Amino acid sequence: MKLWNRASGNLKDRNSIWMASISRRSPNRNPDLEAAIIRATSHDETYVDYRNAQRVFAWVKTSPAYLKPLIWALSKRMEKTRSWVVPSKVSCSCMEFSAAKFPSWKDRPLAF
């Protein structure tokens, strides 16, 4: 059963990455950022992809323009899943964003 859960989670993540890669870029969507978020918040219970989490942190640190697509992608990721692993990884990454005190995170109001 555990092998089946891991395989289905991996398939869901691959499908989400593929859907993000074919989506159009807009002010609310950044396909590269979405793919990095999906990889960082995968369905795997035993693995955390720190490399993609650092990519997301670097994008948000460079420009406040990435903040809106970040929040949009994180909320969509939590909205679609029924697994407990993904929301826990998303909440941990949000805590790391708030603790890091990025200028784009603390200066910008969260009302979109």
PDB file of N, CA and C in Angstrom:
ATOM      1  N   MET A   1       0.819  -1.198   0.000  1.00  0.00           N
ATOM      2  CA  MET A   1       0.000   0.000   0.000  1.00  0.00           C
ATOM      3  C   MET A   1       0.861   1.258   0.000  1.00  0.00           C
ATOM      4  N   LYS A   2       1.944   1.228   0.780  1.00  0.00           N
ATOM      5  CA  LYS A   2       2.801   2.401   0.850  1.00  0.00           C
ATOM      6  C   LYS A   2       3.474   2.669  -0.492  1.00  0.00           C
ATOM      7  N   LEU A   3       3.852   1.607  -1.205  1.00  0.00           N
ATOM      8  CA  LEU A   3       4.452   1.757  -2.520  1.00  0.00           C
ATOM      9  C   LEU A   3       3.449   2.371  -3.492  1.00  0.00           C
ATOM     10  N   TRP A   4       2.200   1.964  -3.388  1.00  0.00           N
ATOM     11  CA  TRP A   4       1.158   2.521  -4.249  1.00  0.00           C
ATOM     12  C   TRP A   4       0.960   4.015  -3.969  1.00  0.00           C
ATOM     13  N   ASN A   5       0.965   4.404  -2.712  1.00  0.00           N
ATOM     14  CA  ASN A   5       0.815   5.821  -2.356  1.00  0.00           C
ATOM     15  C   ASN A   5       1.979   6.653  -2.889  1.00  0.00           C
ATOM     16  N   ARG A   6       3.193   6.123  -2.790  1.00  0.00           N
ATOM     17  CA  ARG A   6       4.357   6.853  -3.306  1.00  0.00           C
ATOM     18  C   ARG A   6       4.298   6.984  -4.820  1.00  0.00           C
ATOM     19  N   ALA A   7       3.878   5.903  -5.486  1.00  0.00           N
ATOM     20  CA  ALA A   7       3.799   5.941  -6.945  1.00  0.00           C
ATOM     21  C   ALA A   7       2.715   6.903  -7.414  1.00  0.00           C
ATOM     22  N   SER A   8       1.567   6.894  -6.750  1.00  0.00           N
ATOM     23  CA  SER A   8       0.497   7.809  -7.161  1.00  0.00           C
ATOM     24  C   SER A   8       0.871   9.257  -6.865  1.00  0.00           C
ATOM     25  N   GLY A   9       1.560   9.510  -5.766  1.00  0.00           N
ATOM     26  CA  GLY A   9       2.025  10.864  -5.464  1.00  0.00           C
ATOM     27  C   GLY A   9       3.030  11.352  -6.482  1.00  0.00           C
ATOM     28  N   ASN A  10       3.940  10.473  -6.897  1.00  0.00           N
ATOM     29  CA  ASN A  10       4.922  10.835  -7.920  1.00  0.00           C
ATOM     30  C   ASN A  10       4.231  11.140  -9.241  1.00  0.00           C
ATOM     31  N   LEU A  11       3.224  10.352  -9.596  1.00  0.00           N
ATOM     32  CA  LEU A  11       2.479  10.589 -10.828  1.00  0.00           C
ATOM     33  C   LEU A  11       1.716  11.915 -10.771  1.00  0.00           C
ATOM     34  N   LYS A  12       1.131  12.220  -9.627  1.00  0.00           N
ATOM     35  CA  LYS A  12       0.419  13.493  -9.458  1.00  0.00           C
ATOM     36  C   LYS A  12       1.377  14.678  -9.600  1.00  0.00           C
ATOM     37  N   ASP A  13       2.554  14.561  -9.007  1.00  0.00           N
ATOM     38  CA  ASP A  13       3.536  15.646  -9.099  1.00  0.00           C
ATOM     39  C   ASP A  13       4.008  15.840 -10.537  1.00  0.00           C
ATOM     40  N   ARG A  14       4.266  14.750 -11.240  1.00  0.00           N
ATOM     41  CA  ARG A  14       4.690  14.864 -12.638  1.00  0.00           C
ATOM     42  C   ARG A  14       3.610  15.504 -13.491  1.00  0.00           C
ATOM     43  N   ASN A  15       2.366  15.113 -13.253  1.00  0.00           N
ATOM     44  CA  ASN A  15       1.256  15.700 -14.006  1.00  0.00           C
ATOM     45  C   ASN A  15       1.132  17.195 -13.703  1.00  0.00           C
ATOM     46  N   SER A  16       1.290  17.580 -12.450  1.00  0.00           N
ATOM     47  CA  SER A  16       1.209  18.997 -12.082  1.00  0.00           C
ATOM     48  C   SER A  16       2.344  19.800 -12.705  1.00  0.00           C
ATOM     49  N   ILE A  17       3.540  19.226 -12.745  1.00  0.00           N
ATOM     50  CA  ILE A  17       4.677  19.917 -13.362  1.00  0.00           C
ATOM     51  C   ILE A  17       4.434  20.081 -14.853  1.00  0.00           C
ATOM     52  N   TRP A  18       3.901  19.052 -15.496  1.00  0.00           N
ATOM     53  CA  TRP A  18       3.602  19.143 -16.921  1.00  0.00           C
ATOM     54  C   TRP A  18       2.542  20.205 -17.181  1.00  0.00           C
ATOM     55  N   MET A  19       1.491  20.236 -16.366  1.00  0.00           N
ATOM     56  CA  MET A  19       0.446  21.243 -16.543  1.00  0.00           C
ATOM     57  C   MET A  19       0.991  22.653 -16.315  1.00  0.00           C
ATOM     58  N   ALA A  20       1.894  22.804 -15.366  1.00  0.00           N
ATOM     59  CA  ALA A  20       2.494  24.120 -15.121  1.00  0.00           C
ATOM     60  C   ALA A  20       3.390  24.534 -16.281  1.00  0.00           C
ATOM     61  N   SER A  21       4.049  23.571 -16.911  1.00  0.00           N
ATOM     62  CA  SER A  21       4.966  23.925 -17.998  1.00  0.00           C
ATOM     63  C   SER A  21       4.226  24.368 -19.256  1.00  0.00           C
ATOM     64  N   ILE A  22       2.994  23.907 -19.460  1.00  0.00           N
ATOM     65  CA  ILE A  22       2.264  24.322 -20.659  1.00  0.00           C
ATOM     66  C   ILE A  22       1.364  25.528 -20.410  1.00  0.00           C
ATOM     67  N   SER A  23       1.303  25.993 -19.177  1.00  0.00           N
ATOM     68  CA  SER A  23       0.468  27.155 -18.883  1.00  0.00           C
ATOM     69  C   SER A  23       1.145  28.432 -19.369  1.00  0.00           C
ATOM     70  N   ARG A  24       0.332  29.431 -19.622  1.00  0.00           N
ATOM     71  CA  ARG A  24       0.867  30.710 -20.095  1.00  0.00           C
ATOM     72  C   ARG A  24       1.339  31.555 -18.934  1.00  0.00           C
ATOM     73  N   ARG A  25       2.348  32.345 -19.212  1.00  0.00           N
ATOM     74  CA  ARG A  25       2.879  33.270 -18.205  1.00  0.00           C
ATOM     75  C   ARG A  25       1.956  34.483 -18.128  1.00  0.00           C
ATOM     76  N   SER A  26       1.604  34.871 -16.917  1.00  0.00           N
ATOM     77  CA  SER A  26       0.757  36.038 -16.688  1.00  0.00           C
ATOM     78  C   SER A  26       1.227  36.708 -15.410  1.00  0.00           C
ATOM     79  N   PRO A  27       0.608  37.833 -15.029  1.00  0.00           N
ATOM     80  CA  PRO A  27       1.026  38.460 -13.757  1.00  0.00           C
ATOM     81  C   PRO A  27       0.814  37.555 -12.543  1.00  0.00           C
ATOM     82  N   ASN A  28      -0.147  36.633 -12.638  1.00  0.00           N
ATOM     83  CA  ASN A  28      -0.405  35.730 -11.514  1.00  0.00           C
ATOM     84  C   ASN A  28       0.303  34.395 -11.633  1.00  0.00           C
ATOM     85  N   ARG A  29       0.816  34.073 -12.809  1.00  0.00           N
ATOM     86  CA  ARG A  29       1.393  32.756 -13.027  1.00  0.00           C
ATOM     87  C   ARG A  29       2.797  32.864 -13.605  1.00  0.00           C
ATOM     88  N   ASN A  30       3.681  32.062 -13.052  1.00  0.00           N
ATOM     89  CA  ASN A  30       5.029  31.910 -13.564  1.00  0.00           C
ATOM     90  C   ASN A  30       5.297  30.403 -13.610  1.00  0.00           C
ATOM     91  N   PRO A  31       5.319  29.791 -14.806  1.00  0.00           N
ATOM     92  CA  PRO A  31       5.451  28.341 -14.900  1.00  0.00           C
ATOM     93  C   PRO A  31       6.725  27.787 -14.252  1.00  0.00           C
ATOM     94  N   ASP A  32       7.838  28.503 -14.359  1.00  0.00           N
ATOM     95  CA  ASP A  32       9.084  28.031 -13.756  1.00  0.00           C
ATOM     96  C   ASP A  32       8.996  28.038 -12.233  1.00  0.00           C
ATOM     97  N   LEU A  33       8.414  29.077 -11.688  1.00  0.00           N
ATOM     98  CA  LEU A  33       8.230  29.169 -10.243  1.00  0.00           C
ATOM     99  C   LEU A  33       7.258  28.102  -9.758  1.00  0.00           C
ATOM    100  N   GLU A  34       6.188  27.861 -10.506  1.00  0.00           N
ATOM    101  CA  GLU A  34       5.224  26.817 -10.134  1.00  0.00           C
ATOM    102  C   GLU A  34       5.876  25.441 -10.127  1.00  0.00           C
ATOM    103  N   ALA A  35       6.696  25.158 -11.132  1.00  0.00           N
ATOM    104  CA  ALA A  35       7.371  23.858 -11.191  1.00  0.00           C
ATOM    105  C   ALA A  35       8.329  23.686 -10.007  1.00  0.00           C
ATOM    106  N   ALA A  36       9.034  24.737  -9.639  1.00  0.00           N
ATOM    107  CA  ALA A  36       9.939  24.659  -8.485  1.00  0.00           C
ATOM    108  C   ALA A  36       9.150  24.464  -7.192  1.00  0.00           C
ATOM    109  N   ILE A  37       7.994  25.101  -7.075  1.00  0.00           N
ATOM    110  CA  ILE A  37       7.159  24.926  -5.884  1.00  0.00           C
ATOM    111  C   ILE A  37       6.618  23.508  -5.819  1.00  0.00           C
ATOM    112  N   ILE A  38       6.205  22.964  -6.951  1.00  0.00           N
ATOM    113  CA  ILE A  38       5.687  21.598  -6.966  1.00  0.00           C
ATOM    114  C   ILE A  38       6.777  20.615  -6.575  1.00  0.00           C
ATOM    115  N   ARG A  39       7.981  20.826  -7.074  1.00  0.00           N
ATOM    116  CA  ARG A  39       9.084  19.933  -6.703  1.00  0.00           C
ATOM    117  C   ARG A  39       9.458  20.083  -5.225  1.00  0.00           C
ATOM    118  N   ALA A  40       9.401  21.303  -4.713  1.00  0.00           N
ATOM    119  CA  ALA A  40       9.764  21.528  -3.313  1.00  0.00           C
ATOM    120  C   ALA A  40       8.708  20.992  -2.352  1.00  0.00           C
ATOM    121  N   THR A  41       7.452  20.966  -2.783  1.00  0.00           N
ATOM    122  CA  THR A  41       6.365  20.483  -1.922  1.00  0.00           C
ATOM    123  C   THR A  41       5.784  19.194  -2.483  1.00  0.00           C
ATOM    124  N   SER A  42       6.634  18.239  -2.788  1.00  0.00           N
ATOM    125  CA  SER A  42       6.199  16.987  -3.398  1.00  0.00           C
ATOM    126  C   SER A  42       5.386  16.145  -2.410  1.00  0.00           C
ATOM    127  N   HIS A  43       4.767  15.091  -2.940  1.00  0.00           N
ATOM    128  CA  HIS A  43       3.957  14.194  -2.120  1.00  0.00           C
ATOM    129  C   HIS A  43       4.795  13.193  -1.330  1.00  0.00           C
ATOM    130  N   ASP A  44       6.093  13.190  -1.532  1.00  0.00           N
ATOM    131  CA  ASP A  44       6.959  12.225  -0.858  1.00  0.00           C
ATOM    132  C   ASP A  44       7.130  12.605   0.608  1.00  0.00           C
ATOM    133  N   GLU A  45       6.807  11.676   1.500  1.00  0.00           N
ATOM    134  CA  GLU A  45       6.868  11.949   2.937  1.00  0.00           C
ATOM    135  C   GLU A  45       8.294  11.980   3.464  1.00  0.00           C
ATOM    136  N   THR A  46       9.197  11.271   2.812  1.00  0.00           N
ATOM    137  CA  THR A  46      10.536  11.107   3.358  1.00  0.00           C
ATOM    138  C   THR A  46      11.573  12.024   2.740  1.00  0.00           C
ATOM    139  N   TYR A  47      11.196  12.824   1.751  1.00  0.00           N
ATOM    140  CA  TYR A  47      12.182  13.618   1.032  1.00  0.00           C
ATOM    141  C   TYR A  47      11.722  15.063   0.920  1.00  0.00           C
ATOM    142  N   VAL A  48      12.639  15.973   1.184  1.00  0.00           N
ATOM    143  CA  VAL A  48      12.397  17.400   0.998  1.00  0.00           C
ATOM    144  C   VAL A  48      13.421  17.900  -0.009  1.00  0.00           C
ATOM    145  N   ASP A  49      12.949  18.526  -1.062  1.00  0.00           N
ATOM    146  CA  ASP A  49      13.832  19.013  -2.120  1.00  0.00           C
ATOM    147  C   ASP A  49      14.305  20.423  -1.751  1.00  0.00           C
ATOM    148  N   TYR A  50      15.436  20.483  -1.074  1.00  0.00           N
ATOM    149  CA  TYR A  50      15.961  21.761  -0.617  1.00  0.00           C
ATOM    150  C   TYR A  50      16.471  22.625  -1.774  1.00  0.00           C
ATOM    151  N   ARG A  51      16.928  21.991  -2.846  1.00  0.00           N
ATOM    152  CA  ARG A  51      17.459  22.749  -3.974  1.00  0.00           C
ATOM    153  C   ARG A  51      16.366  23.605  -4.615  1.00  0.00           C
ATOM    154  N   ASN A  52      15.192  23.034  -4.831  1.00  0.00           N
ATOM    155  CA  ASN A  52      14.102  23.813  -5.416  1.00  0.00           C
ATOM    156  C   ASN A  52      13.515  24.803  -4.416  1.00  0.00           C
ATOM    157  N   ALA A  53      13.545  24.476  -3.150  1.00  0.00           N
ATOM    158  CA  ALA A  53      13.102  25.440  -2.140  1.00  0.00           C
ATOM    159  C   ALA A  53      14.025  26.659  -2.142  1.00  0.00           C
ATOM    160  N   GLN A  54      15.325  26.437  -2.294  1.00  0.00           N
ATOM    161  CA  GLN A  54      16.265  27.548  -2.370  1.00  0.00           C
ATOM    162  C   GLN A  54      16.072  28.357  -3.645  1.00  0.00           C
ATOM    163  N   ARG A  55      15.688  27.691  -4.748  1.00  0.00           N
ATOM    164  CA  ARG A  55      15.390  28.420  -5.986  1.00  0.00           C
ATOM    165  C   ARG A  55      14.199  29.359  -5.782  1.00  0.00           C
ATOM    166  N   VAL A  56      13.186  28.876  -5.085  1.00  0.00           N
ATOM    167  CA  VAL A  56      12.008  29.714  -4.816  1.00  0.00           C
ATOM    168  C   VAL A  56      12.399  30.887  -3.937  1.00  0.00           C
ATOM    169  N   PHE A  57      13.209  30.632  -2.897  1.00  0.00           N
ATOM    170  CA  PHE A  57      13.657  31.722  -2.025  1.00  0.00           C
ATOM    171  C   PHE A  57      14.470  32.746  -2.805  1.00  0.00           C
ATOM    172  N   ALA A  58      15.312  32.287  -3.711  1.00  0.00           N
ATOM    173  CA  ALA A  58      16.133  33.213  -4.495  1.00  0.00           C
ATOM    174  C   ALA A  58      15.272  34.071  -5.415  1.00  0.00           C
ATOM    175  N   TRP A  59      14.228  33.478  -6.022  1.00  0.00           N
ATOM    176  CA  TRP A  59      13.339  34.259  -6.884  1.00  0.00           C
ATOM    177  C   TRP A  59      12.624  35.344  -6.098  1.00  0.00           C
ATOM    178  N   VAL A  60      12.113  35.003  -4.942  1.00  0.00           N
ATOM    179  CA  VAL A  60      11.372  35.982  -4.146  1.00  0.00           C
ATOM    180  C   VAL A  60      12.313  37.047  -3.604  1.00  0.00           C
ATOM    181  N   LYS A  61      13.527  36.652  -3.299  1.00  0.00           N
ATOM    182  CA  LYS A  61      14.490  37.618  -2.777  1.00  0.00           C
ATOM    183  C   LYS A  61      14.907  38.628  -3.837  1.00  0.00           C
ATOM    184  N   THR A  62      14.956  38.222  -5.107  1.00  0.00           N
ATOM    185  CA  THR A  62      15.425  39.122  -6.154  1.00  0.00           C
ATOM    186  C   THR A  62      14.410  40.185  -6.525  1.00  0.00           C
ATOM    187  N   SER A  63      13.133  39.840  -6.533  1.00  0.00           N
ATOM    188  CA  SER A  63      12.149  40.800  -7.000  1.00  0.00           C
ATOM    189  C   SER A  63      10.809  40.591  -6.304  1.00  0.00           C
ATOM    190  N   PRO A  64      10.149  41.680  -5.912  1.00  0.00           N
ATOM    191  CA  PRO A  64       8.822  41.543  -5.324  1.00  0.00           C
ATOM    192  C   PRO A  64       7.765  41.145  -6.359  1.00  0.00           C
ATOM    193  N   ALA A  65       8.107  41.171  -7.633  1.00  0.00           N
ATOM    194  CA  ALA A  65       7.146  40.765  -8.662  1.00  0.00           C
ATOM    195  C   ALA A  65       6.848  39.273  -8.598  1.00  0.00           C
ATOM    196  N   TYR A  66       7.728  38.494  -7.978  1.00  0.00           N
ATOM    197  CA  TYR A  66       7.503  37.058  -7.850  1.00  0.00           C
ATOM    198  C   TYR A  66       6.638  36.701  -6.649  1.00  0.00           C
ATOM    199  N   LEU A  67       6.294  37.667  -5.833  1.00  0.00           N
ATOM    200  CA  LEU A  67       5.521  37.376  -4.629  1.00  0.00           C
ATOM    201  C   LEU A  67       4.094  36.956  -4.953  1.00  0.00           C
ATOM    202  N   LYS A  68       3.447  37.643  -5.870  1.00  0.00           N
ATOM    203  CA  LYS A  68       2.069  37.311  -6.219  1.00  0.00           C
ATOM    204  C   LYS A  68       1.962  35.924  -6.868  1.00  0.00           C
ATOM    205  N   PRO A  69       2.834  35.575  -7.854  1.00  0.00           N
ATOM    206  CA  PRO A  69       2.778  34.207  -8.378  1.00  0.00           C
ATOM    207  C   PRO A  69       3.124  33.152  -7.337  1.00  0.00           C
ATOM    208  N   LEU A  70       3.987  33.486  -6.375  1.00  0.00           N
ATOM    209  CA  LEU A  70       4.331  32.541  -5.319  1.00  0.00           C
ATOM    210  C   LEU A  70       3.119  32.235  -4.458  1.00  0.00           C
ATOM    211  N   ILE A  71       2.438  33.258  -4.000  1.00  0.00           N
ATOM    212  CA  ILE A  71       1.266  33.051  -3.141  1.00  0.00           C
ATOM    213  C   ILE A  71       0.162  32.348  -3.907  1.00  0.00           C
ATOM    214  N   TRP A  72       0.002  32.700  -5.179  1.00  0.00           N
ATOM    215  CA  TRP A  72      -1.014  32.056  -6.000  1.00  0.00           C
ATOM    216  C   TRP A  72      -0.721  30.568  -6.157  1.00  0.00           C
ATOM    217  N   ALA A  73       0.544  30.226  -6.456  1.00  0.00           N
ATOM    218  CA  ALA A  73       0.915  28.824  -6.663  1.00  0.00           C
ATOM    219  C   ALA A  73       0.818  28.017  -5.372  1.00  0.00           C
ATOM    220  N   LEU A  74       1.233  28.609  -4.247  1.00  0.00           N
ATOM    221  CA  LEU A  74       1.130  27.898  -2.971  1.00  0.00           C
ATOM    222  C   LEU A  74      -0.322  27.650  -2.581  1.00  0.00           C
ATOM    223  N   SER A  75      -1.177  28.633  -2.801  1.00  0.00           N
ATOM    224  CA  SER A  75      -2.583  28.445  -2.439  1.00  0.00           C
ATOM    225  C   SER A  75      -3.255  27.432  -3.357  1.00  0.00           C
ATOM    226  N   LYS A  76      -2.936  27.455  -4.657  1.00  0.00           N
ATOM    227  CA  LYS A  76      -3.488  26.449  -5.568  1.00  0.00           C
ATOM    228  C   LYS A  76      -2.995  25.058  -5.214  1.00  0.00           C
ATOM    229  N   ARG A  77      -1.733  24.963  -4.828  1.00  0.00           N
ATOM    230  CA  ARG A  77      -1.158  23.659  -4.453  1.00  0.00           C
ATOM    231  C   ARG A  77      -1.869  23.098  -3.222  1.00  0.00           C
ATOM    232  N   MET A  78      -2.150  23.938  -2.248  1.00  0.00           N
ATOM    233  CA  MET A  78      -2.842  23.464  -1.048  1.00  0.00           C
ATOM    234  C   MET A  78      -4.317  23.194  -1.322  1.00  0.00           C
ATOM    235  N   GLU A  79      -4.904  23.949  -2.236  1.00  0.00           N
ATOM    236  CA  GLU A  79      -6.323  23.787  -2.538  1.00  0.00           C
ATOM    237  C   GLU A  79      -6.608  22.464  -3.246  1.00  0.00           C
ATOM    238  N   LYS A  80      -5.695  22.024  -4.107  1.00  0.00           N
ATOM    239  CA  LYS A  80      -5.930  20.843  -4.921  1.00  0.00           C
ATOM    240  C   LYS A  80      -5.633  19.526  -4.220  1.00  0.00           C
ATOM    241  N   THR A  81      -4.802  19.522  -3.220  1.00  0.00           N
ATOM    242  CA  THR A  81      -4.332  18.268  -2.649  1.00  0.00           C
ATOM    243  C   THR A  81      -5.232  17.750  -1.533  1.00  0.00           C
ATOM    244  N   ARG A  82      -5.203  16.424  -1.371  1.00  0.00           N
ATOM    245  CA  ARG A  82      -5.877  15.789  -0.243  1.00  0.00           C
ATOM    246  C   ARG A  82      -4.877  15.088   0.660  1.00  0.00           C
ATOM    247  N   SER A  83      -3.616  15.233   0.355  1.00  0.00           N
ATOM    248  CA  SER A  83      -2.555  14.611   1.134  1.00  0.00           C
ATOM    249  C   SER A  83      -2.128  15.546   2.269  1.00  0.00           C
ATOM    250  N   TRP A  84      -1.740  14.989   3.380  1.00  0.00           N
ATOM    251  CA  TRP A  84      -1.316  15.809   4.516  1.00  0.00           C
ATOM    252  C   TRP A  84       0.108  16.317   4.332  1.00  0.00           C
ATOM    253  N   VAL A  85       0.882  15.689   3.461  1.00  0.00           N
ATOM    254  CA  VAL A  85       2.294  16.035   3.307  1.00  0.00           C
ATOM    255  C   VAL A  85       2.466  17.399   2.638  1.00  0.00           C
ATOM    256  N   VAL A  86       1.707  17.635   1.592  1.00  0.00           N
ATOM    257  CA  VAL A  86       1.874  18.877   0.816  1.00  0.00           C
ATOM    258  C   VAL A  86       1.530  20.116   1.656  1.00  0.00           C
ATOM    259  N   PRO A  87       0.382  20.155   2.354  1.00  0.00           N
ATOM    260  CA  PRO A  87       0.121  21.350   3.181  1.00  0.00           C
ATOM    261  C   PRO A  87       1.142  21.566   4.289  1.00  0.00           C
ATOM    262  N   SER A  88       1.684  20.487   4.839  1.00  0.00           N
ATOM    263  CA  SER A  88       2.702  20.678   5.876  1.00  0.00           C
ATOM    264  C   SER A  88       3.985  21.268   5.287  1.00  0.00           C
ATOM    265  N   LYS A  89       4.374  20.839   4.080  1.00  0.00           N
ATOM    266  CA  LYS A  89       5.559  21.417   3.439  1.00  0.00           C
ATOM    267  C   LYS A  89       5.310  22.863   3.027  1.00  0.00           C
ATOM    268  N   VAL A  90       4.093  23.166   2.571  1.00  0.00           N
ATOM    269  CA  VAL A  90       3.764  24.543   2.197  1.00  0.00           C
ATOM    270  C   VAL A  90       3.789  25.446   3.423  1.00  0.00           C
ATOM    271  N   SER A  91       3.227  24.977   4.539  1.00  0.00           N
ATOM    272  CA  SER A  91       3.226  25.811   5.743  1.00  0.00           C
ATOM    273  C   SER A  91       4.641  26.011   6.277  1.00  0.00           C
ATOM    274  N   CYS A  92       5.483  25.005   6.169  1.00  0.00           N
ATOM    275  CA  CYS A  92       6.885  25.178   6.584  1.00  0.00           C
ATOM    276  C   CYS A  92       7.602  26.197   5.709  1.00  0.00           C
ATOM    277  N   SER A  93       7.327  26.156   4.404  1.00  0.00           N
ATOM    278  CA  SER A  93       7.983  27.133   3.530  1.00  0.00           C
ATOM    279  C   SER A  93       7.462  28.543   3.798  1.00  0.00           C
ATOM    280  N   CYS A  94       6.167  28.687   4.114  1.00  0.00           N
ATOM    281  CA  CYS A  94       5.634  30.014   4.460  1.00  0.00           C
ATOM    282  C   CYS A  94       6.251  30.526   5.754  1.00  0.00           C
ATOM    283  N   MET A  95       6.462  29.631   6.715  1.00  0.00           N
ATOM    284  CA  MET A  95       7.124  30.045   7.957  1.00  0.00           C
ATOM    285  C   MET A  95       8.554  30.484   7.688  1.00  0.00           C
ATOM    286  N   GLU A  96       9.244  29.798   6.782  1.00  0.00           N
ATOM    287  CA  GLU A  96      10.610  30.195   6.450  1.00  0.00           C
ATOM    288  C   GLU A  96      10.633  31.542   5.740  1.00  0.00           C
ATOM    289  N   PHE A  97       9.639  31.811   4.885  1.00  0.00           N
ATOM    290  CA  PHE A  97       9.561  33.118   4.236  1.00  0.00           C
ATOM    291  C   PHE A  97       9.344  34.225   5.251  1.00  0.00           C
ATOM    292  N   SER A  98       8.460  34.004   6.202  1.00  0.00           N
ATOM    293  CA  SER A  98       8.192  35.058   7.180  1.00  0.00           C
ATOM    294  C   SER A  98       9.360  35.238   8.141  1.00  0.00           C
ATOM    295  N   ALA A  99      10.091  34.175   8.427  1.00  0.00           N
ATOM    296  CA  ALA A  99      11.241  34.282   9.331  1.00  0.00           C
ATOM    297  C   ALA A  99      12.448  34.911   8.641  1.00  0.00           C
ATOM    298  N   ALA A 100      12.546  34.773   7.310  1.00  0.00           N
ATOM    299  CA  ALA A 100      13.707  35.288   6.587  1.00  0.00           C
ATOM    300  C   ALA A 100      13.666  36.803   6.428  1.00  0.00           C
ATOM    301  N   LYS A 101      12.503  37.400   6.564  1.00  0.00           N
ATOM    302  CA  LYS A 101      12.331  38.854   6.474  1.00  0.00           C
ATOM    303  C   LYS A 101      12.849  39.398   5.146  1.00  0.00           C
ATOM    304  N   PHE A 102      12.355  38.815   4.054  1.00  0.00           N
ATOM    305  CA  PHE A 102      12.676  39.353   2.740  1.00  0.00           C
ATOM    306  C   PHE A 102      12.024  40.709   2.608  1.00  0.00           C
ATOM    307  N   PRO A 103      12.676  41.659   1.967  1.00  0.00           N
ATOM    308  CA  PRO A 103      12.057  42.972   1.800  1.00  0.00           C
ATOM    309  C   PRO A 103      10.750  42.898   1.017  1.00  0.00           C
ATOM    310  N   SER A 104      10.690  42.033   0.022  1.00  0.00           N
ATOM    311  CA  SER A 104       9.465  41.937  -0.781  1.00  0.00           C
ATOM    312  C   SER A 104       8.335  41.286   0.007  1.00  0.00           C
ATOM    313  N   TRP A 105       8.649  40.503   1.013  1.00  0.00           N
ATOM    314  CA  TRP A 105       7.622  39.809   1.797  1.00  0.00           C
ATOM    315  C   TRP A 105       7.021  40.715   2.861  1.00  0.00           C
ATOM    316  N   LYS A 106       7.854  41.477   3.562  1.00  0.00           N
ATOM    317  CA  LYS A 106       7.323  42.245   4.687  1.00  0.00           C
ATOM    318  C   LYS A 106       6.776  43.619   4.276  1.00  0.00           C
ATOM    319  N   ASP A 107       7.254  44.188   3.171  1.00  0.00           N
ATOM    320  CA  ASP A 107       6.805  45.508   2.771  1.00  0.00           C
ATOM    321  C   ASP A 107       5.517  45.498   1.954  1.00  0.00           C
ATOM    322  N   ARG A 108       5.172  44.368   1.411  1.00  0.00           N
ATOM    323  CA  ARG A 108       4.043  44.298   0.513  1.00  0.00           C
ATOM    324  C   ARG A 108       2.800  43.798   1.259  1.00  0.00           C
ATOM    325  N   PRO A 109       1.688  44.469   1.123  1.00  0.00           N
ATOM    326  CA  PRO A 109       0.467  43.979   1.772  1.00  0.00           C
ATOM    327  C   PRO A 109      -0.017  42.712   1.059  1.00  0.00           C
ATOM    328  N   LEU A 110      -0.633  41.814   1.802  1.00  0.00           N
ATOM    329  CA  LEU A 110      -1.060  40.546   1.238  1.00  0.00           C
ATOM    330  C   LEU A 110      -2.457  40.595   0.646  1.00  0.00           C
ATOM    331  N   ALA A 111      -3.093  41.742   0.604  1.00  0.00           N
ATOM    332  CA  ALA A 111      -4.423  41.866  -0.015  1.00  0.00           C
ATOM    333  C   ALA A 111      -4.241  42.012  -1.510  1.00  0.00           C
ATOM    334  N   PHE A 112      -4.720  41.023  -2.250  1.00  0.00           N
ATOM    335  CA  PHE A 112      -4.557  41.057  -3.704  1.00  0.00           C
ATOM    336  C   PHE A 112      -5.844  41.402  -4.341  1.00  0.00           C
TER     337      PHE A 112
END
